[in-house]
Amino acid sequence: MYVAEAEASGAERARTWAQWCSGFVELRCGEAQSALAPLQQALARQQAIGDSWGPVWGLETPAWAVAATGDGTRAA
């Protein structure tokens, strides 16, 4: 529901956070591989719009997902 509301709002910052939340939920539910794409896309979109707060929080999260896939070297 959050994703739909964010998309409908047209607010890019809200849309990126909804995308990040989708990836984070996937990660928390044990679906690390599925989490990677939305987490990385959210981060790229946040950087593209000049969001200085989102990437600070969002940069570490894809690394958690990569680590959860068992690839500790890439996660680091």
PDB file of N, CA and C in Angstrom:
ATOM      1  N   MET A   1       0.823  -1.182   0.000  1.00  0.00           N
ATOM      2  CA  MET A   1       0.000   0.000   0.000  1.00  0.00           C
ATOM      3  C   MET A   1       0.877   1.260   0.000  1.00  0.00           C
ATOM      4  N   TYR A   2       1.964   1.223   0.779  1.00  0.00           N
ATOM      5  CA  TYR A   2       2.860   2.380   0.835  1.00  0.00           C
ATOM      6  C   TYR A   2       3.440   2.683  -0.538  1.00  0.00           C
ATOM      7  N   VAL A   3       3.823   1.645  -1.267  1.00  0.00           N
ATOM      8  CA  VAL A   3       4.396   1.833  -2.598  1.00  0.00           C
ATOM      9  C   VAL A   3       3.373   2.498  -3.517  1.00  0.00           C
ATOM     10  N   ALA A   4       2.150   2.016  -3.498  1.00  0.00           N
ATOM     11  CA  ALA A   4       1.101   2.590  -4.345  1.00  0.00           C
ATOM     12  C   ALA A   4       0.838   4.053  -3.988  1.00  0.00           C
ATOM     13  N   GLU A   5       0.786   4.360  -2.712  1.00  0.00           N
ATOM     14  CA  GLU A   5       0.560   5.744  -2.276  1.00  0.00           C
ATOM     15  C   GLU A   5       1.716   6.645  -2.693  1.00  0.00           C
ATOM     16  N   ALA A   6       2.937   6.144  -2.551  1.00  0.00           N
ATOM     17  CA  ALA A   6       4.107   6.936  -2.929  1.00  0.00           C
ATOM     18  C   ALA A   6       4.134   7.179  -4.431  1.00  0.00           C
ATOM     19  N   GLU A   7       3.845   6.153  -5.200  1.00  0.00           N
ATOM     20  CA  GLU A   7       3.806   6.304  -6.659  1.00  0.00           C
ATOM     21  C   GLU A   7       2.724   7.302  -7.070  1.00  0.00           C
ATOM     22  N   ALA A   8       1.562   7.217  -6.438  1.00  0.00           N
ATOM     23  CA  ALA A   8       0.453   8.110  -6.766  1.00  0.00           C
ATOM     24  C   ALA A   8       0.761   9.561  -6.395  1.00  0.00           C
ATOM     25  N   SER A   9       1.578   9.751  -5.382  1.00  0.00           N
ATOM     26  CA  SER A   9       1.887  11.109  -4.923  1.00  0.00           C
ATOM     27  C   SER A   9       2.752  11.866  -5.926  1.00  0.00           C
ATOM     28  N   GLY A  10       3.546  11.133  -6.692  1.00  0.00           N
ATOM     29  CA  GLY A  10       4.448  11.767  -7.629  1.00  0.00           C
ATOM     30  C   GLY A  10       5.686  12.352  -6.972  1.00  0.00           C
ATOM     31  N   ALA A  11       5.799  12.206  -5.672  1.00  0.00           N
ATOM     32  CA  ALA A  11       6.953  12.734  -4.943  1.00  0.00           C
ATOM     33  C   ALA A  11       8.097  11.741  -5.055  1.00  0.00           C
ATOM     34  N   GLU A  12       9.126  12.105  -5.780  1.00  0.00           N
ATOM     35  CA  GLU A  12      10.227  11.179  -6.052  1.00  0.00           C
ATOM     36  C   GLU A  12      10.896  10.691  -4.773  1.00  0.00           C
ATOM     37  N   ARG A  13      11.058  11.560  -3.806  1.00  0.00           N
ATOM     38  CA  ARG A  13      11.700  11.149  -2.558  1.00  0.00           C
ATOM     39  C   ARG A  13      10.867  10.064  -1.871  1.00  0.00           C
ATOM     40  N   ALA A  14       9.558  10.239  -1.828  1.00  0.00           N
ATOM     41  CA  ALA A  14       8.673   9.226  -1.233  1.00  0.00           C
ATOM     42  C   ALA A  14       8.739   7.932  -2.030  1.00  0.00           C
ATOM     43  N   ARG A  15       8.824   8.042  -3.327  1.00  0.00           N
ATOM     44  CA  ARG A  15       8.888   6.851  -4.179  1.00  0.00           C
ATOM     45  C   ARG A  15      10.166   6.059  -3.921  1.00  0.00           C
ATOM     46  N   THR A  16      11.281   6.763  -3.718  1.00  0.00           N
ATOM     47  CA  THR A  16      12.532   6.044  -3.470  1.00  0.00           C
ATOM     48  C   THR A  16      12.491   5.341  -2.120  1.00  0.00           C
ATOM     49  N   TRP A  17      11.876   5.979  -1.131  1.00  0.00           N
ATOM     50  CA  TRP A  17      11.795   5.335   0.187  1.00  0.00           C
ATOM     51  C   TRP A  17      10.847   4.158   0.167  1.00  0.00           C
ATOM     52  N   ALA A  18       9.791   4.238  -0.602  1.00  0.00           N
ATOM     53  CA  ALA A  18       8.884   3.090  -0.734  1.00  0.00           C
ATOM     54  C   ALA A  18       9.629   1.925  -1.386  1.00  0.00           C
ATOM     55  N   GLN A  19      10.432   2.236  -2.370  1.00  0.00           N
ATOM     56  CA  GLN A  19      11.224   1.200  -3.037  1.00  0.00           C
ATOM     57  C   GLN A  19      12.235   0.593  -2.064  1.00  0.00           C
ATOM     58  N   TRP A  20      12.892   1.441  -1.282  1.00  0.00           N
ATOM     59  CA  TRP A  20      13.836   0.952  -0.277  1.00  0.00           C
ATOM     60  C   TRP A  20      13.130   0.048   0.722  1.00  0.00           C
ATOM     61  N   CYS A  21      11.956   0.461   1.188  1.00  0.00           N
ATOM     62  CA  CYS A  21      11.193  -0.341   2.151  1.00  0.00           C
ATOM     63  C   CYS A  21      10.833  -1.702   1.570  1.00  0.00           C
ATOM     64  N   SER A  22      10.490  -1.741   0.293  1.00  0.00           N
ATOM     65  CA  SER A  22      10.181  -3.021  -0.350  1.00  0.00           C
ATOM     66  C   SER A  22      11.381  -3.951  -0.307  1.00  0.00           C
ATOM     67  N   GLY A  23      12.536  -3.418  -0.620  1.00  0.00           N
ATOM     68  CA  GLY A  23      13.749  -4.230  -0.562  1.00  0.00           C
ATOM     69  C   GLY A  23      14.083  -4.669   0.854  1.00  0.00           C
ATOM     70  N   PHE A  24      13.905  -3.771   1.806  1.00  0.00           N
ATOM     71  CA  PHE A  24      14.208  -4.090   3.197  1.00  0.00           C
ATOM     72  C   PHE A  24      13.285  -5.194   3.717  1.00  0.00           C
ATOM     73  N   VAL A  25      12.022  -5.144   3.337  1.00  0.00           N
ATOM     74  CA  VAL A  25      11.086  -6.200   3.743  1.00  0.00           C
ATOM     75  C   VAL A  25      11.520  -7.537   3.162  1.00  0.00           C
ATOM     76  N   GLU A  26      11.915  -7.545   1.896  1.00  0.00           N
ATOM     77  CA  GLU A  26      12.415  -8.779   1.277  1.00  0.00           C
ATOM     78  C   GLU A  26      13.611  -9.323   2.067  1.00  0.00           C
ATOM     79  N   LEU A  27      14.519  -8.433   2.419  1.00  0.00           N
ATOM     80  CA  LEU A  27      15.703  -8.842   3.169  1.00  0.00           C
ATOM     81  C   LEU A  27      15.313  -9.420   4.523  1.00  0.00           C
ATOM     82  N   ARG A  28      14.433  -8.753   5.233  1.00  0.00           N
ATOM     83  CA  ARG A  28      14.014  -9.216   6.559  1.00  0.00           C
ATOM     84  C   ARG A  28      13.241 -10.529   6.501  1.00  0.00           C
ATOM     85  N   CYS A  29      12.632 -10.808   5.353  1.00  0.00           N
ATOM     86  CA  CYS A  29      11.876 -12.056   5.184  1.00  0.00           C
ATOM     87  C   CYS A  29      12.745 -13.182   4.636  1.00  0.00           C
ATOM     88  N   GLY A  30      14.059 -12.938   4.578  1.00  0.00           N
ATOM     89  CA  GLY A  30      14.968 -13.983   4.151  1.00  0.00           C
ATOM     90  C   GLY A  30      15.162 -14.095   2.651  1.00  0.00           C
ATOM     91  N   GLU A  31      14.728 -13.108   1.906  1.00  0.00           N
ATOM     92  CA  GLU A  31      14.846 -13.124   0.449  1.00  0.00           C
ATOM     93  C   GLU A  31      15.923 -12.124   0.010  1.00  0.00           C
ATOM     94  N   ALA A  32      17.154 -12.393   0.403  1.00  0.00           N
ATOM     95  CA  ALA A  32      18.249 -11.456   0.155  1.00  0.00           C
ATOM     96  C   ALA A  32      18.456 -11.172  -1.334  1.00  0.00           C
ATOM     97  N   GLN A  33      18.386 -12.193  -2.151  1.00  0.00           N
ATOM     98  CA  GLN A  33      18.600 -11.992  -3.584  1.00  0.00           C
ATOM     99  C   GLN A  33      17.518 -11.088  -4.178  1.00  0.00           C
ATOM    100  N   SER A  34      16.270 -11.266  -3.752  1.00  0.00           N
ATOM    101  CA  SER A  34      15.167 -10.427  -4.236  1.00  0.00           C
ATOM    102  C   SER A  34      15.271  -9.005  -3.708  1.00  0.00           C
ATOM    103  N   ALA A  35      15.934  -8.832  -2.590  1.00  0.00           N
ATOM    104  CA  ALA A  35      16.059  -7.515  -1.975  1.00  0.00           C
ATOM    105  C   ALA A  35      17.034  -6.613  -2.714  1.00  0.00           C
ATOM    106  N   LEU A  36      18.003  -7.197  -3.379  1.00  0.00           N
ATOM    107  CA  LEU A  36      19.080  -6.401  -3.977  1.00  0.00           C
ATOM    108  C   LEU A  36      18.605  -5.378  -5.003  1.00  0.00           C
ATOM    109  N   ALA A  37      17.776  -5.778  -5.940  1.00  0.00           N
ATOM    110  CA  ALA A  37      17.370  -4.853  -7.009  1.00  0.00           C
ATOM    111  C   ALA A  37      16.648  -3.623  -6.469  1.00  0.00           C
ATOM    112  N   PRO A  38      15.604  -3.768  -5.646  1.00  0.00           N
ATOM    113  CA  PRO A  38      14.942  -2.553  -5.170  1.00  0.00           C
ATOM    114  C   PRO A  38      15.842  -1.687  -4.284  1.00  0.00           C
ATOM    115  N   LEU A  39      16.711  -2.310  -3.499  1.00  0.00           N
ATOM    116  CA  LEU A  39      17.618  -1.526  -2.655  1.00  0.00           C
ATOM    117  C   LEU A  39      18.599  -0.725  -3.504  1.00  0.00           C
ATOM    118  N   GLN A  40      19.168  -1.362  -4.516  1.00  0.00           N
ATOM    119  CA  GLN A  40      20.120  -0.674  -5.385  1.00  0.00           C
ATOM    120  C   GLN A  40      19.437   0.402  -6.228  1.00  0.00           C
ATOM    121  N   GLN A  41      18.237   0.107  -6.710  1.00  0.00           N
ATOM    122  CA  GLN A  41      17.500   1.094  -7.507  1.00  0.00           C
ATOM    123  C   GLN A  41      17.111   2.307  -6.667  1.00  0.00           C
ATOM    124  N   ALA A  42      16.684   2.065  -5.439  1.00  0.00           N
ATOM    125  CA  ALA A  42      16.334   3.178  -4.555  1.00  0.00           C
ATOM    126  C   ALA A  42      17.545   4.063  -4.307  1.00  0.00           C
ATOM    127  N   LEU A  43      18.676   3.445  -4.054  1.00  0.00           N
ATOM    128  CA  LEU A  43      19.903   4.194  -3.806  1.00  0.00           C
ATOM    129  C   LEU A  43      20.286   5.036  -5.030  1.00  0.00           C
ATOM    130  N   ALA A  44      20.218   4.444  -6.203  1.00  0.00           N
ATOM    131  CA  ALA A  44      20.559   5.176  -7.429  1.00  0.00           C
ATOM    132  C   ALA A  44      19.602   6.346  -7.655  1.00  0.00           C
ATOM    133  N   ARG A  45      18.319   6.126  -7.417  1.00  0.00           N
ATOM    134  CA  ARG A  45      17.335   7.200  -7.603  1.00  0.00           C
ATOM    135  C   ARG A  45      17.552   8.312  -6.582  1.00  0.00           C
ATOM    136  N   GLN A  46      17.893   7.936  -5.341  1.00  0.00           N
ATOM    137  CA  GLN A  46      18.134   8.953  -4.315  1.00  0.00           C
ATOM    138  C   GLN A  46      19.353   9.795  -4.675  1.00  0.00           C
ATOM    139  N   GLN A  47      20.394   9.158  -5.168  1.00  0.00           N
ATOM    140  CA  GLN A  47      21.586   9.903  -5.579  1.00  0.00           C
ATOM    141  C   GLN A  47      21.268  10.815  -6.763  1.00  0.00           C
ATOM    142  N   ALA A  48      20.442  10.336  -7.685  1.00  0.00           N
ATOM    143  CA  ALA A  48      20.104  11.108  -8.880  1.00  0.00           C
ATOM    144  C   ALA A  48      19.318  12.380  -8.552  1.00  0.00           C
ATOM    145  N   ILE A  49      18.512  12.338  -7.510  1.00  0.00           N
ATOM    146  CA  ILE A  49      17.723  13.526  -7.157  1.00  0.00           C
ATOM    147  C   ILE A  49      18.425  14.410  -6.128  1.00  0.00           C
ATOM    148  N   GLY A  50      19.631  14.020  -5.749  1.00  0.00           N
ATOM    149  CA  GLY A  50      20.393  14.829  -4.810  1.00  0.00           C
ATOM    150  C   GLY A  50      19.952  14.692  -3.368  1.00  0.00           C
ATOM    151  N   ASP A  51      19.321  13.584  -3.045  1.00  0.00           N
ATOM    152  CA  ASP A  51      18.902  13.326  -1.667  1.00  0.00           C
ATOM    153  C   ASP A  51      20.162  13.049  -0.844  1.00  0.00           C
ATOM    154  N   SER A  52      20.466  13.915   0.085  1.00  0.00           N
ATOM    155  CA  SER A  52      21.690  13.740   0.868  1.00  0.00           C
ATOM    156  C   SER A  52      21.477  12.846   2.089  1.00  0.00           C
ATOM    157  N   TRP A  53      20.259  12.609   2.473  1.00  0.00           N
ATOM    158  CA  TRP A  53      19.965  11.810   3.658  1.00  0.00           C
ATOM    159  C   TRP A  53      19.761  10.344   3.307  1.00  0.00           C
ATOM    160  N   GLY A  54      19.009  10.072   2.253  1.00  0.00           N
ATOM    161  CA  GLY A  54      18.684   8.699   1.862  1.00  0.00           C
ATOM    162  C   GLY A  54      19.889   7.819   1.605  1.00  0.00           C
ATOM    163  N   PRO A  55      20.847   8.261   0.801  1.00  0.00           N
ATOM    164  CA  PRO A  55      22.009   7.401   0.545  1.00  0.00           C
ATOM    165  C   PRO A  55      22.828   7.072   1.790  1.00  0.00           C
ATOM    166  N   VAL A  56      22.829   7.962   2.767  1.00  0.00           N
ATOM    167  CA  VAL A  56      23.558   7.673   3.998  1.00  0.00           C
ATOM    168  C   VAL A  56      22.955   6.444   4.685  1.00  0.00           C
ATOM    169  N   TRP A  57      21.638   6.388   4.727  1.00  0.00           N
ATOM    170  CA  TRP A  57      20.952   5.241   5.324  1.00  0.00           C
ATOM    171  C   TRP A  57      20.917   4.061   4.371  1.00  0.00           C
ATOM    172  N   GLY A  58      20.778   4.346   3.096  1.00  0.00           N
ATOM    173  CA  GLY A  58      20.564   3.287   2.121  1.00  0.00           C
ATOM    174  C   GLY A  58      21.803   2.586   1.613  1.00  0.00           C
ATOM    175  N   LEU A  59      22.955   3.179   1.753  1.00  0.00           N
ATOM    176  CA  LEU A  59      24.174   2.587   1.193  1.00  0.00           C
ATOM    177  C   LEU A  59      24.550   1.273   1.870  1.00  0.00           C
ATOM    178  N   GLU A  60      24.348   1.175   3.145  1.00  0.00           N
ATOM    179  CA  GLU A  60      24.736  -0.034   3.876  1.00  0.00           C
ATOM    180  C   GLU A  60      23.776  -1.204   3.627  1.00  0.00           C
ATOM    181  N   THR A  61      22.538  -0.910   3.351  1.00  0.00           N
ATOM    182  CA  THR A  61      21.527  -1.953   3.240  1.00  0.00           C
ATOM    183  C   THR A  61      21.798  -2.955   2.115  1.00  0.00           C
ATOM    184  N   PRO A  62      22.181  -2.525   0.901  1.00  0.00           N
ATOM    185  CA  PRO A  62      22.517  -3.526  -0.113  1.00  0.00           C
ATOM    186  C   PRO A  62      23.679  -4.426   0.322  1.00  0.00           C
ATOM    187  N   ALA A  63      24.603  -3.880   1.093  1.00  0.00           N
ATOM    188  CA  ALA A  63      25.702  -4.706   1.595  1.00  0.00           C
ATOM    189  C   ALA A  63      25.187  -5.790   2.535  1.00  0.00           C
ATOM    190  N   TRP A  64      24.180  -5.463   3.348  1.00  0.00           N
ATOM    191  CA  TRP A  64      23.567  -6.484   4.210  1.00  0.00           C
ATOM    192  C   TRP A  64      22.969  -7.597   3.358  1.00  0.00           C
ATOM    193  N   ALA A  65      22.286  -7.195   2.271  1.00  0.00           N
ATOM    194  CA  ALA A  65      21.649  -8.187   1.399  1.00  0.00           C
ATOM    195  C   ALA A  65      22.707  -9.068   0.734  1.00  0.00           C
ATOM    196  N   VAL A  66      23.782  -8.465   0.255  1.00  0.00           N
ATOM    197  CA  VAL A  66      24.854  -9.245  -0.369  1.00  0.00           C
ATOM    198  C   VAL A  66      25.465 -10.196   0.658  1.00  0.00           C
ATOM    199  N   ALA A  67      25.707  -9.716   1.858  1.00  0.00           N
ATOM    200  CA  ALA A  67      26.254 -10.579   2.915  1.00  0.00           C
ATOM    201  C   ALA A  67      25.312 -11.741   3.211  1.00  0.00           C
ATOM    202  N   ALA A  68      24.020 -11.477   3.179  1.00  0.00           N
ATOM    203  CA  ALA A  68      23.047 -12.532   3.452  1.00  0.00           C
ATOM    204  C   ALA A  68      23.019 -13.600   2.365  1.00  0.00           C
ATOM    205  N   THR A  69      23.509 -13.273   1.170  1.00  0.00           N
ATOM    206  CA  THR A  69      23.606 -14.283   0.110  1.00  0.00           C
ATOM    207  C   THR A  69      24.837 -15.144   0.285  1.00  0.00           C
ATOM    208  N   GLY A  70      25.696 -14.765   1.239  1.00  0.00           N
ATOM    209  CA  GLY A  70      26.893 -15.560   1.509  1.00  0.00           C
ATOM    210  C   GLY A  70      28.159 -15.000   0.876  1.00  0.00           C
ATOM    211  N   ASP A  71      28.057 -13.884   0.187  1.00  0.00           N
ATOM    212  CA  ASP A  71      29.213 -13.299  -0.494  1.00  0.00           C
ATOM    213  C   ASP A  71      29.810 -12.180   0.373  1.00  0.00           C
ATOM    214  N   GLY A  72      30.536 -12.581   1.412  1.00  0.00           N
ATOM    215  CA  GLY A  72      31.103 -11.621   2.343  1.00  0.00           C
ATOM    216  C   GLY A  72      32.119 -10.692   1.730  1.00  0.00           C
ATOM    217  N   THR A  73      32.882 -11.185   0.765  1.00  0.00           N
ATOM    218  CA  THR A  73      33.897 -10.344   0.107  1.00  0.00           C
ATOM    219  C   THR A  73      33.227  -9.216  -0.651  1.00  0.00           C
ATOM    220  N   ARG A  74      32.222  -9.525  -1.422  1.00  0.00           N
ATOM    221  CA  ARG A  74      31.506  -8.480  -2.194  1.00  0.00           C
ATOM    222  C   ARG A  74      30.780  -7.531  -1.243  1.00  0.00           C
ATOM    223  N   ALA A  75      30.229  -8.039  -0.166  1.00  0.00           N
ATOM    224  CA  ALA A  75      29.518  -7.197   0.780  1.00  0.00           C
ATOM    225  C   ALA A  75      30.448  -6.170   1.413  1.00  0.00           C
ATOM    226  N   ALA A  76      31.669  -6.587   1.675  1.00  0.00           N
ATOM    227  CA  ALA A  76      32.632  -5.676   2.296  1.00  0.00           C
ATOM    228  C   ALA A  76      33.034  -4.586   1.334  1.00  0.00           C
TER     229      ALA A  76
END
